[in-house]
Amino acid sequence: MNNINVGQLIRNELTRQERSVAWLARKIMCDRTNIYRIFAKESIDTELLVRISNALNHNFFNDIAATVEDRLSNK
Protein backbone atom coordinates (compact mmCIF):
# COMPACT_ATOMS: atom_id res chain seq x y z
CA MET A 1 0.00 0.00 0.00
CA ASN A 2 1.40 3.41 -0.96
CA ASN A 3 1.80 6.06 1.70
CA ILE A 4 -0.02 9.36 1.51
CA ASN A 5 2.52 11.89 0.23
CA VAL A 6 1.68 15.09 2.06
CA GLY A 7 4.47 17.02 0.36
CA GLN A 8 2.99 16.19 -3.03
CA LEU A 9 -0.49 17.23 -1.85
CA ILE A 10 0.92 20.61 -0.79
CA ARG A 11 2.83 21.06 -4.05
CA ASN A 12 -0.27 20.20 -6.08
CA GLU A 13 -2.43 22.68 -4.19
CA LEU A 14 0.19 25.42 -4.45
CA THR A 15 0.34 24.83 -8.22
CA ARG A 16 -3.45 24.72 -8.50
CA GLN A 17 -3.64 28.12 -6.81
CA GLU A 18 -0.86 29.43 -9.07
CA ARG A 19 1.14 30.55 -6.04
CA SER A 20 4.91 30.58 -5.82
CA VAL A 21 7.19 28.79 -3.40
CA ALA A 22 8.44 32.20 -2.25
CA TRP A 23 4.86 33.26 -1.49
CA LEU A 24 4.25 30.19 0.69
CA ALA A 25 7.58 30.62 2.44
CA ARG A 26 6.64 34.20 3.36
CA LYS A 27 3.19 33.13 4.55
CA ILE A 28 4.50 30.45 6.91
CA MET A 29 7.62 32.42 7.81
CA CYS A 30 10.31 30.05 6.65
CA ASP A 31 13.04 29.91 4.04
CA ARG A 32 12.14 29.03 0.45
CA THR A 33 14.49 26.02 0.56
CA ASN A 34 12.42 24.60 3.43
CA ILE A 35 9.37 24.56 1.18
CA TYR A 36 11.22 22.38 -1.32
CA ARG A 37 12.17 20.06 1.56
CA ILE A 38 8.51 19.88 2.57
CA PHE A 39 7.58 18.89 -1.00
CA ALA A 40 10.02 15.96 -0.76
CA LYS A 41 8.54 14.62 2.49
CA GLU A 42 5.82 12.02 2.72
CA SER A 43 4.85 13.27 6.18
CA ILE A 44 5.25 16.47 8.16
CA ASP A 45 4.52 17.81 11.63
CA THR A 46 0.81 18.50 12.17
CA GLU A 47 1.41 22.05 13.43
CA LEU A 48 3.29 22.84 10.23
CA LEU A 49 0.47 21.30 8.20
CA VAL A 50 -2.01 23.54 10.05
CA ARG A 51 0.08 26.61 9.15
CA ILE A 52 0.26 25.54 5.50
CA SER A 53 -3.46 24.76 5.45
CA ASN A 54 -4.20 28.24 6.79
CA ALA A 55 -1.87 29.91 4.29
CA LEU A 56 -3.40 28.10 1.34
CA ASN A 57 -6.93 28.12 2.78
CA HIS A 58 -7.09 24.38 2.12
CA ASN A 59 -7.72 21.61 4.65
CA PHE A 60 -5.09 18.97 3.93
CA PHE A 61 -6.37 16.95 6.88
CA ASN A 62 -9.60 16.36 4.93
CA ASP A 63 -7.57 15.13 1.96
CA ILE A 64 -5.69 12.70 4.18
CA ALA A 65 -8.88 11.52 5.89
CA ALA A 66 -10.59 10.93 2.55
CA THR A 67 -7.67 8.82 1.35
CA VAL A 68 -7.75 6.76 4.54
CA GLU A 69 -11.52 6.29 4.23
CA ASP A 70 -11.13 5.13 0.62
CA ARG A 71 -8.48 2.60 1.62
CA LEU A 72 -10.56 1.29 4.50
CA SER A 73 -13.62 0.84 2.31
CA ASN A 74 -11.55 -1.03 -0.30
CA LYS A 75 -10.29 -3.64 2.17
PDB file of N, CA and C in Angstrom:
ATOM      1  N   MET A   1       0.841  -1.176   0.000  1.00  0.00           N
ATOM      2  CA  MET A   1       0.000   0.000   0.000  1.00  0.00           C
ATOM      3  C   MET A   1       0.891   1.246   0.000  1.00  0.00           C
ATOM      4  N   ASN A   2       0.622   2.165  -0.884  1.00  0.00           N
ATOM      5  CA  ASN A   2       1.400   3.405  -0.955  1.00  0.00           C
ATOM      6  C   ASN A   2       1.033   4.341   0.183  1.00  0.00           C
ATOM      7  N   ASN A   3       2.043   5.056   0.671  1.00  0.00           N
ATOM      8  CA  ASN A   3       1.801   6.057   1.700  1.00  0.00           C
ATOM      9  C   ASN A   3       1.167   7.297   1.086  1.00  0.00           C
ATOM     10  N   ILE A   4       0.509   8.063   1.926  1.00  0.00           N
ATOM     11  CA  ILE A   4      -0.018   9.357   1.510  1.00  0.00           C
ATOM     12  C   ILE A   4       1.160  10.318   1.477  1.00  0.00           C
ATOM     13  N   ASN A   5       1.387  10.971   0.364  1.00  0.00           N
ATOM     14  CA  ASN A   5       2.516  11.886   0.230  1.00  0.00           C
ATOM     15  C   ASN A   5       2.019  13.313   0.457  1.00  0.00           C
ATOM     16  N   VAL A   6       2.171  13.768   1.693  1.00  0.00           N
ATOM     17  CA  VAL A   6       1.675  15.091   2.065  1.00  0.00           C
ATOM     18  C   VAL A   6       2.407  16.189   1.304  1.00  0.00           C
ATOM     19  N   GLY A   7       3.694  16.026   1.113  1.00  0.00           N
ATOM     20  CA  GLY A   7       4.465  17.016   0.361  1.00  0.00           C
ATOM     21  C   GLY A   7       3.922  17.212  -1.040  1.00  0.00           C
ATOM     22  N   GLN A   8       3.548  16.106  -1.674  1.00  0.00           N
ATOM     23  CA  GLN A   8       2.986  16.191  -3.027  1.00  0.00           C
ATOM     24  C   GLN A   8       1.614  16.857  -3.001  1.00  0.00           C
ATOM     25  N   LEU A   9       0.813  16.570  -1.976  1.00  0.00           N
ATOM     26  CA  LEU A   9      -0.489  17.232  -1.847  1.00  0.00           C
ATOM     27  C   LEU A   9      -0.312  18.748  -1.760  1.00  0.00           C
ATOM     28  N   ILE A  10       0.659  19.177  -0.967  1.00  0.00           N
ATOM     29  CA  ILE A  10       0.916  20.607  -0.793  1.00  0.00           C
ATOM     30  C   ILE A  10       1.384  21.223  -2.105  1.00  0.00           C
ATOM     31  N   ARG A  11       2.328  20.560  -2.769  1.00  0.00           N
ATOM     32  CA  ARG A  11       2.833  21.057  -4.053  1.00  0.00           C
ATOM     33  C   ARG A  11       1.695  21.180  -5.064  1.00  0.00           C
ATOM     34  N   ASN A  12       0.842  20.171  -5.131  1.00  0.00           N
ATOM     35  CA  ASN A  12      -0.273  20.197  -6.084  1.00  0.00           C
ATOM     36  C   ASN A  12      -1.217  21.359  -5.808  1.00  0.00           C
ATOM     37  N   GLU A  13      -1.519  21.588  -4.534  1.00  0.00           N
ATOM     38  CA  GLU A  13      -2.434  22.683  -4.192  1.00  0.00           C
ATOM     39  C   GLU A  13      -1.794  24.043  -4.472  1.00  0.00           C
ATOM     40  N   LEU A  14      -0.525  24.173  -4.172  1.00  0.00           N
ATOM     41  CA  LEU A  14       0.188  25.420  -4.454  1.00  0.00           C
ATOM     42  C   LEU A  14       0.166  25.712  -5.956  1.00  0.00           C
ATOM     43  N   THR A  15       0.386  24.689  -6.754  1.00  0.00           N
ATOM     44  CA  THR A  15       0.342  24.826  -8.217  1.00  0.00           C
ATOM     45  C   THR A  15      -1.071  25.164  -8.685  1.00  0.00           C
ATOM     46  N   ARG A  16      -2.055  24.476  -8.121  1.00  0.00           N
ATOM     47  CA  ARG A  16      -3.452  24.725  -8.504  1.00  0.00           C
ATOM     48  C   ARG A  16      -3.839  26.176  -8.253  1.00  0.00           C
ATOM     49  N   GLN A  17      -3.338  26.730  -7.156  1.00  0.00           N
ATOM     50  CA  GLN A  17      -3.643  28.119  -6.809  1.00  0.00           C
ATOM     51  C   GLN A  17      -2.733  29.118  -7.535  1.00  0.00           C
ATOM     52  N   GLU A  18      -1.808  28.595  -8.322  1.00  0.00           N
ATOM     53  CA  GLU A  18      -0.863  29.433  -9.070  1.00  0.00           C
ATOM     54  C   GLU A  18      -0.084  30.361  -8.138  1.00  0.00           C
ATOM     55  N   ARG A  19       0.327  29.812  -7.008  1.00  0.00           N
ATOM     56  CA  ARG A  19       1.137  30.548  -6.036  1.00  0.00           C
ATOM     57  C   ARG A  19       2.581  30.068  -6.148  1.00  0.00           C
ATOM     58  N   SER A  20       3.491  30.925  -5.734  1.00  0.00           N
ATOM     59  CA  SER A  20       4.912  30.583  -5.816  1.00  0.00           C
ATOM     60  C   SER A  20       5.410  29.993  -4.503  1.00  0.00           C
ATOM     61  N   VAL A  21       6.521  29.320  -4.593  1.00  0.00           N
ATOM     62  CA  VAL A  21       7.191  28.790  -3.404  1.00  0.00           C
ATOM     63  C   VAL A  21       7.575  29.943  -2.481  1.00  0.00           C
ATOM     64  N   ALA A  22       8.055  31.029  -3.051  1.00  0.00           N
ATOM     65  CA  ALA A  22       8.435  32.196  -2.251  1.00  0.00           C
ATOM     66  C   ALA A  22       7.229  32.757  -1.505  1.00  0.00           C
ATOM     67  N   TRP A  23       6.073  32.774  -2.140  1.00  0.00           N
ATOM     68  CA  TRP A  23       4.857  33.258  -1.490  1.00  0.00           C
ATOM     69  C   TRP A  23       4.530  32.413  -0.268  1.00  0.00           C
ATOM     70  N   LEU A  24       4.553  31.083  -0.435  1.00  0.00           N
ATOM     71  CA  LEU A  24       4.247  30.192   0.686  1.00  0.00           C
ATOM     72  C   LEU A  24       5.280  30.335   1.799  1.00  0.00           C
ATOM     73  N   ALA A  25       6.527  30.453   1.433  1.00  0.00           N
ATOM     74  CA  ALA A  25       7.582  30.624   2.438  1.00  0.00           C
ATOM     75  C   ALA A  25       7.331  31.880   3.273  1.00  0.00           C
ATOM     76  N   ARG A  26       6.953  32.963   2.624  1.00  0.00           N
ATOM     77  CA  ARG A  26       6.639  34.197   3.358  1.00  0.00           C
ATOM     78  C   ARG A  26       5.442  33.994   4.276  1.00  0.00           C
ATOM     79  N   LYS A  27       4.415  33.318   3.775  1.00  0.00           N
ATOM     80  CA  LYS A  27       3.185  33.125   4.548  1.00  0.00           C
ATOM     81  C   LYS A  27       3.416  32.302   5.812  1.00  0.00           C
ATOM     82  N   ILE A  28       4.280  31.292   5.729  1.00  0.00           N
ATOM     83  CA  ILE A  28       4.496  30.451   6.910  1.00  0.00           C
ATOM     84  C   ILE A  28       5.806  30.787   7.612  1.00  0.00           C
ATOM     85  N   MET A  29       6.418  31.877   7.176  1.00  0.00           N
ATOM     86  CA  MET A  29       7.622  32.416   7.812  1.00  0.00           C
ATOM     87  C   MET A  29       8.764  31.399   7.880  1.00  0.00           C
ATOM     88  N   CYS A  30       9.158  30.931   6.723  1.00  0.00           N
ATOM     89  CA  CYS A  30      10.314  30.050   6.646  1.00  0.00           C
ATOM     90  C   CYS A  30      11.083  30.356   5.371  1.00  0.00           C
ATOM     91  N   ASP A  31      12.200  29.725   5.218  1.00  0.00           N
ATOM     92  CA  ASP A  31      13.038  29.910   4.040  1.00  0.00           C
ATOM     93  C   ASP A  31      12.455  29.133   2.864  1.00  0.00           C
ATOM     94  N   ARG A  32      12.638  29.673   1.674  1.00  0.00           N
ATOM     95  CA  ARG A  32      12.140  29.032   0.454  1.00  0.00           C
ATOM     96  C   ARG A  32      12.666  27.607   0.300  1.00  0.00           C
ATOM     97  N   THR A  33      13.925  27.377   0.692  1.00  0.00           N
ATOM     98  CA  THR A  33      14.494  26.024   0.560  1.00  0.00           C
ATOM     99  C   THR A  33      13.761  25.023   1.447  1.00  0.00           C
ATOM    100  N   ASN A  34      13.200  25.500   2.568  1.00  0.00           N
ATOM    101  CA  ASN A  34      12.424  24.603   3.432  1.00  0.00           C
ATOM    102  C   ASN A  34      11.150  24.124   2.745  1.00  0.00           C
ATOM    103  N   ILE A  35      10.578  24.964   1.912  1.00  0.00           N
ATOM    104  CA  ILE A  35       9.367  24.564   1.178  1.00  0.00           C
ATOM    105  C   ILE A  35       9.694  23.406   0.241  1.00  0.00           C
ATOM    106  N   TYR A  36      10.823  23.483  -0.440  1.00  0.00           N
ATOM    107  CA  TYR A  36      11.223  22.381  -1.316  1.00  0.00           C
ATOM    108  C   TYR A  36      11.464  21.109  -0.517  1.00  0.00           C
ATOM    109  N   ARG A  37      11.984  21.230   0.690  1.00  0.00           N
ATOM    110  CA  ARG A  37      12.173  20.059   1.559  1.00  0.00           C
ATOM    111  C   ARG A  37      10.823  19.465   1.956  1.00  0.00           C
ATOM    112  N   ILE A  38       9.864  20.342   2.226  1.00  0.00           N
ATOM    113  CA  ILE A  38       8.514  19.877   2.569  1.00  0.00           C
ATOM    114  C   ILE A  38       7.924  19.086   1.406  1.00  0.00           C
ATOM    115  N   PHE A  39       8.098  19.583   0.189  1.00  0.00           N
ATOM    116  CA  PHE A  39       7.581  18.887  -0.995  1.00  0.00           C
ATOM    117  C   PHE A  39       8.135  17.470  -1.091  1.00  0.00           C
ATOM    118  N   ALA A  40       9.359  17.261  -0.641  1.00  0.00           N
ATOM    119  CA  ALA A  40      10.024  15.960  -0.761  1.00  0.00           C
ATOM    120  C   ALA A  40       9.609  14.985   0.343  1.00  0.00           C
ATOM    121  N   LYS A  41       8.894  15.470   1.345  1.00  0.00           N
ATOM    122  CA  LYS A  41       8.538  14.617   2.485  1.00  0.00           C
ATOM    123  C   LYS A  41       7.187  13.945   2.278  1.00  0.00           C
ATOM    124  N   GLU A  42       7.099  12.707   2.744  1.00  0.00           N
ATOM    125  CA  GLU A  42       5.817  12.015   2.719  1.00  0.00           C
ATOM    126  C   GLU A  42       4.955  12.428   3.897  1.00  0.00           C
ATOM    127  N   SER A  43       5.596  12.855   4.994  1.00  0.00           N
ATOM    128  CA  SER A  43       4.846  13.269   6.179  1.00  0.00           C
ATOM    129  C   SER A  43       5.521  14.493   6.795  1.00  0.00           C
ATOM    130  N   ILE A  44       4.711  15.297   7.475  1.00  0.00           N
ATOM    131  CA  ILE A  44       5.250  16.472   8.158  1.00  0.00           C
ATOM    132  C   ILE A  44       4.536  16.648   9.491  1.00  0.00           C
ATOM    133  N   ASP A  45       5.083  17.487  10.330  1.00  0.00           N
ATOM    134  CA  ASP A  45       4.516  17.811  11.630  1.00  0.00           C
ATOM    135  C   ASP A  45       3.115  18.403  11.444  1.00  0.00           C
ATOM    136  N   THR A  46       2.188  18.021  12.318  1.00  0.00           N
ATOM    137  CA  THR A  46       0.812  18.498  12.168  1.00  0.00           C
ATOM    138  C   THR A  46       0.694  20.005  12.350  1.00  0.00           C
ATOM    139  N   GLU A  47       1.469  20.595  13.241  1.00  0.00           N
ATOM    140  CA  GLU A  47       1.405  22.049  13.431  1.00  0.00           C
ATOM    141  C   GLU A  47       1.833  22.775  12.153  1.00  0.00           C
ATOM    142  N   LEU A  48       2.857  22.257  11.496  1.00  0.00           N
ATOM    143  CA  LEU A  48       3.294  22.837  10.228  1.00  0.00           C
ATOM    144  C   LEU A  48       2.203  22.670   9.171  1.00  0.00           C
ATOM    145  N   LEU A  49       1.547  21.523   9.168  1.00  0.00           N
ATOM    146  CA  LEU A  49       0.473  21.303   8.204  1.00  0.00           C
ATOM    147  C   LEU A  49      -0.700  22.248   8.461  1.00  0.00           C
ATOM    148  N   VAL A  50      -0.960  22.550   9.719  1.00  0.00           N
ATOM    149  CA  VAL A  50      -2.006  23.536  10.048  1.00  0.00           C
ATOM    150  C   VAL A  50      -1.623  24.902   9.478  1.00  0.00           C
ATOM    151  N   ARG A  51      -0.373  25.308   9.669  1.00  0.00           N
ATOM    152  CA  ARG A  51       0.075  26.608   9.150  1.00  0.00           C
ATOM    153  C   ARG A  51      -0.037  26.663   7.627  1.00  0.00           C
ATOM    154  N   ILE A  52       0.350  25.585   6.968  1.00  0.00           N
ATOM    155  CA  ILE A  52       0.263  25.540   5.502  1.00  0.00           C
ATOM    156  C   ILE A  52      -1.196  25.538   5.065  1.00  0.00           C
ATOM    157  N   SER A  53      -2.028  24.779   5.761  1.00  0.00           N
ATOM    158  CA  SER A  53      -3.465  24.758   5.448  1.00  0.00           C
ATOM    159  C   SER A  53      -4.067  26.151   5.555  1.00  0.00           C
ATOM    160  N   ASN A  54      -3.708  26.872   6.615  1.00  0.00           N
ATOM    161  CA  ASN A  54      -4.200  28.239   6.786  1.00  0.00           C
ATOM    162  C   ASN A  54      -3.700  29.156   5.679  1.00  0.00           C
ATOM    163  N   ALA A  55      -2.434  29.053   5.339  1.00  0.00           N
ATOM    164  CA  ALA A  55      -1.866  29.913   4.293  1.00  0.00           C
ATOM    165  C   ALA A  55      -2.543  29.687   2.953  1.00  0.00           C
ATOM    166  N   LEU A  56      -2.801  28.431   2.640  1.00  0.00           N
ATOM    167  CA  LEU A  56      -3.397  28.099   1.342  1.00  0.00           C
ATOM    168  C   LEU A  56      -4.927  28.018   1.400  1.00  0.00           C
ATOM    169  N   ASN A  57      -5.484  28.232   2.607  1.00  0.00           N
ATOM    170  CA  ASN A  57      -6.928  28.123   2.778  1.00  0.00           C
ATOM    171  C   ASN A  57      -7.457  26.804   2.219  1.00  0.00           C
ATOM    172  N   HIS A  58      -6.751  25.732   2.601  1.00  0.00           N
ATOM    173  CA  HIS A  58      -7.092  24.384   2.120  1.00  0.00           C
ATOM    174  C   HIS A  58      -6.860  23.403   3.263  1.00  0.00           C
ATOM    175  N   ASN A  59      -7.834  22.564   3.556  1.00  0.00           N
ATOM    176  CA  ASN A  59      -7.722  21.614   4.655  1.00  0.00           C
ATOM    177  C   ASN A  59      -7.103  20.304   4.161  1.00  0.00           C
ATOM    178  N   PHE A  60      -5.795  20.184   4.341  1.00  0.00           N
ATOM    179  CA  PHE A  60      -5.091  18.973   3.926  1.00  0.00           C
ATOM    180  C   PHE A  60      -5.476  17.782   4.791  1.00  0.00           C
ATOM    181  N   PHE A  61      -5.935  18.034   6.001  1.00  0.00           N
ATOM    182  CA  PHE A  61      -6.371  16.950   6.875  1.00  0.00           C
ATOM    183  C   PHE A  61      -7.586  16.238   6.275  1.00  0.00           C
ATOM    184  N   ASN A  62      -8.466  16.982   5.626  1.00  0.00           N
ATOM    185  CA  ASN A  62      -9.603  16.363   4.929  1.00  0.00           C
ATOM    186  C   ASN A  62      -9.125  15.480   3.789  1.00  0.00           C
ATOM    187  N   ASP A  63      -8.121  15.925   3.053  1.00  0.00           N
ATOM    188  CA  ASP A  63      -7.565  15.128   1.957  1.00  0.00           C
ATOM    189  C   ASP A  63      -7.007  13.810   2.478  1.00  0.00           C
ATOM    190  N   ILE A  64      -6.281  13.903   3.581  1.00  0.00           N
ATOM    191  CA  ILE A  64      -5.691  12.702   4.182  1.00  0.00           C
ATOM    192  C   ILE A  64      -6.791  11.770   4.675  1.00  0.00           C
ATOM    193  N   ALA A  65      -7.780  12.332   5.364  1.00  0.00           N
ATOM    194  CA  ALA A  65      -8.879  11.523   5.891  1.00  0.00           C
ATOM    195  C   ALA A  65      -9.649  10.830   4.766  1.00  0.00           C
ATOM    196  N   ALA A  66      -9.872  11.520   3.677  1.00  0.00           N
ATOM    197  CA  ALA A  66     -10.590  10.928   2.546  1.00  0.00           C
ATOM    198  C   ALA A  66      -9.809   9.757   1.953  1.00  0.00           C
ATOM    199  N   THR A  67      -8.503   9.904   1.865  1.00  0.00           N
ATOM    200  CA  THR A  67      -7.666   8.820   1.351  1.00  0.00           C
ATOM    201  C   THR A  67      -7.722   7.620   2.279  1.00  0.00           C
ATOM    202  N   VAL A  68      -7.667   7.853   3.567  1.00  0.00           N
ATOM    203  CA  VAL A  68      -7.750   6.760   4.544  1.00  0.00           C
ATOM    204  C   VAL A  68      -9.109   6.073   4.439  1.00  0.00           C
ATOM    205  N   GLU A  69     -10.171   6.849   4.351  1.00  0.00           N
ATOM    206  CA  GLU A  69     -11.515   6.286   4.230  1.00  0.00           C
ATOM    207  C   GLU A  69     -11.638   5.407   2.973  1.00  0.00           C
ATOM    208  N   ASP A  70     -11.103   5.895   1.858  1.00  0.00           N
ATOM    209  CA  ASP A  70     -11.128   5.127   0.617  1.00  0.00           C
ATOM    210  C   ASP A  70     -10.410   3.794   0.788  1.00  0.00           C
ATOM    211  N   ARG A  71      -9.257   3.834   1.422  1.00  0.00           N
ATOM    212  CA  ARG A  71      -8.477   2.599   1.616  1.00  0.00           C
ATOM    213  C   ARG A  71      -9.198   1.632   2.552  1.00  0.00           C
ATOM    214  N   LEU A  72      -9.837   2.156   3.589  1.00  0.00           N
ATOM    215  CA  LEU A  72     -10.562   1.290   4.503  1.00  0.00           C
ATOM    216  C   LEU A  72     -11.770   0.635   3.833  1.00  0.00           C
ATOM    217  N   SER A  73     -12.441   1.386   2.978  1.00  0.00           N
ATOM    218  CA  SER A  73     -13.620   0.836   2.307  1.00  0.00           C
ATOM    219  C   SER A  73     -13.249  -0.150   1.202  1.00  0.00           C
ATOM    220  N   ASN A  74     -12.006  -0.112   0.747  1.00  0.00           N
ATOM    221  CA  ASN A  74     -11.553  -1.026  -0.301  1.00  0.00           C
ATOM    222  C   ASN A  74     -10.913  -2.303   0.249  1.00  0.00           C
ATOM    223  N   LYS A  75     -10.889  -2.440   1.562  1.00  0.00           N
ATOM    224  CA  LYS A  75     -10.293  -3.641   2.171  1.00  0.00           C
ATOM    225  C   LYS A  75     -11.177  -4.836   1.993  1.00  0.00           C
TER     226      LYS A  75
END
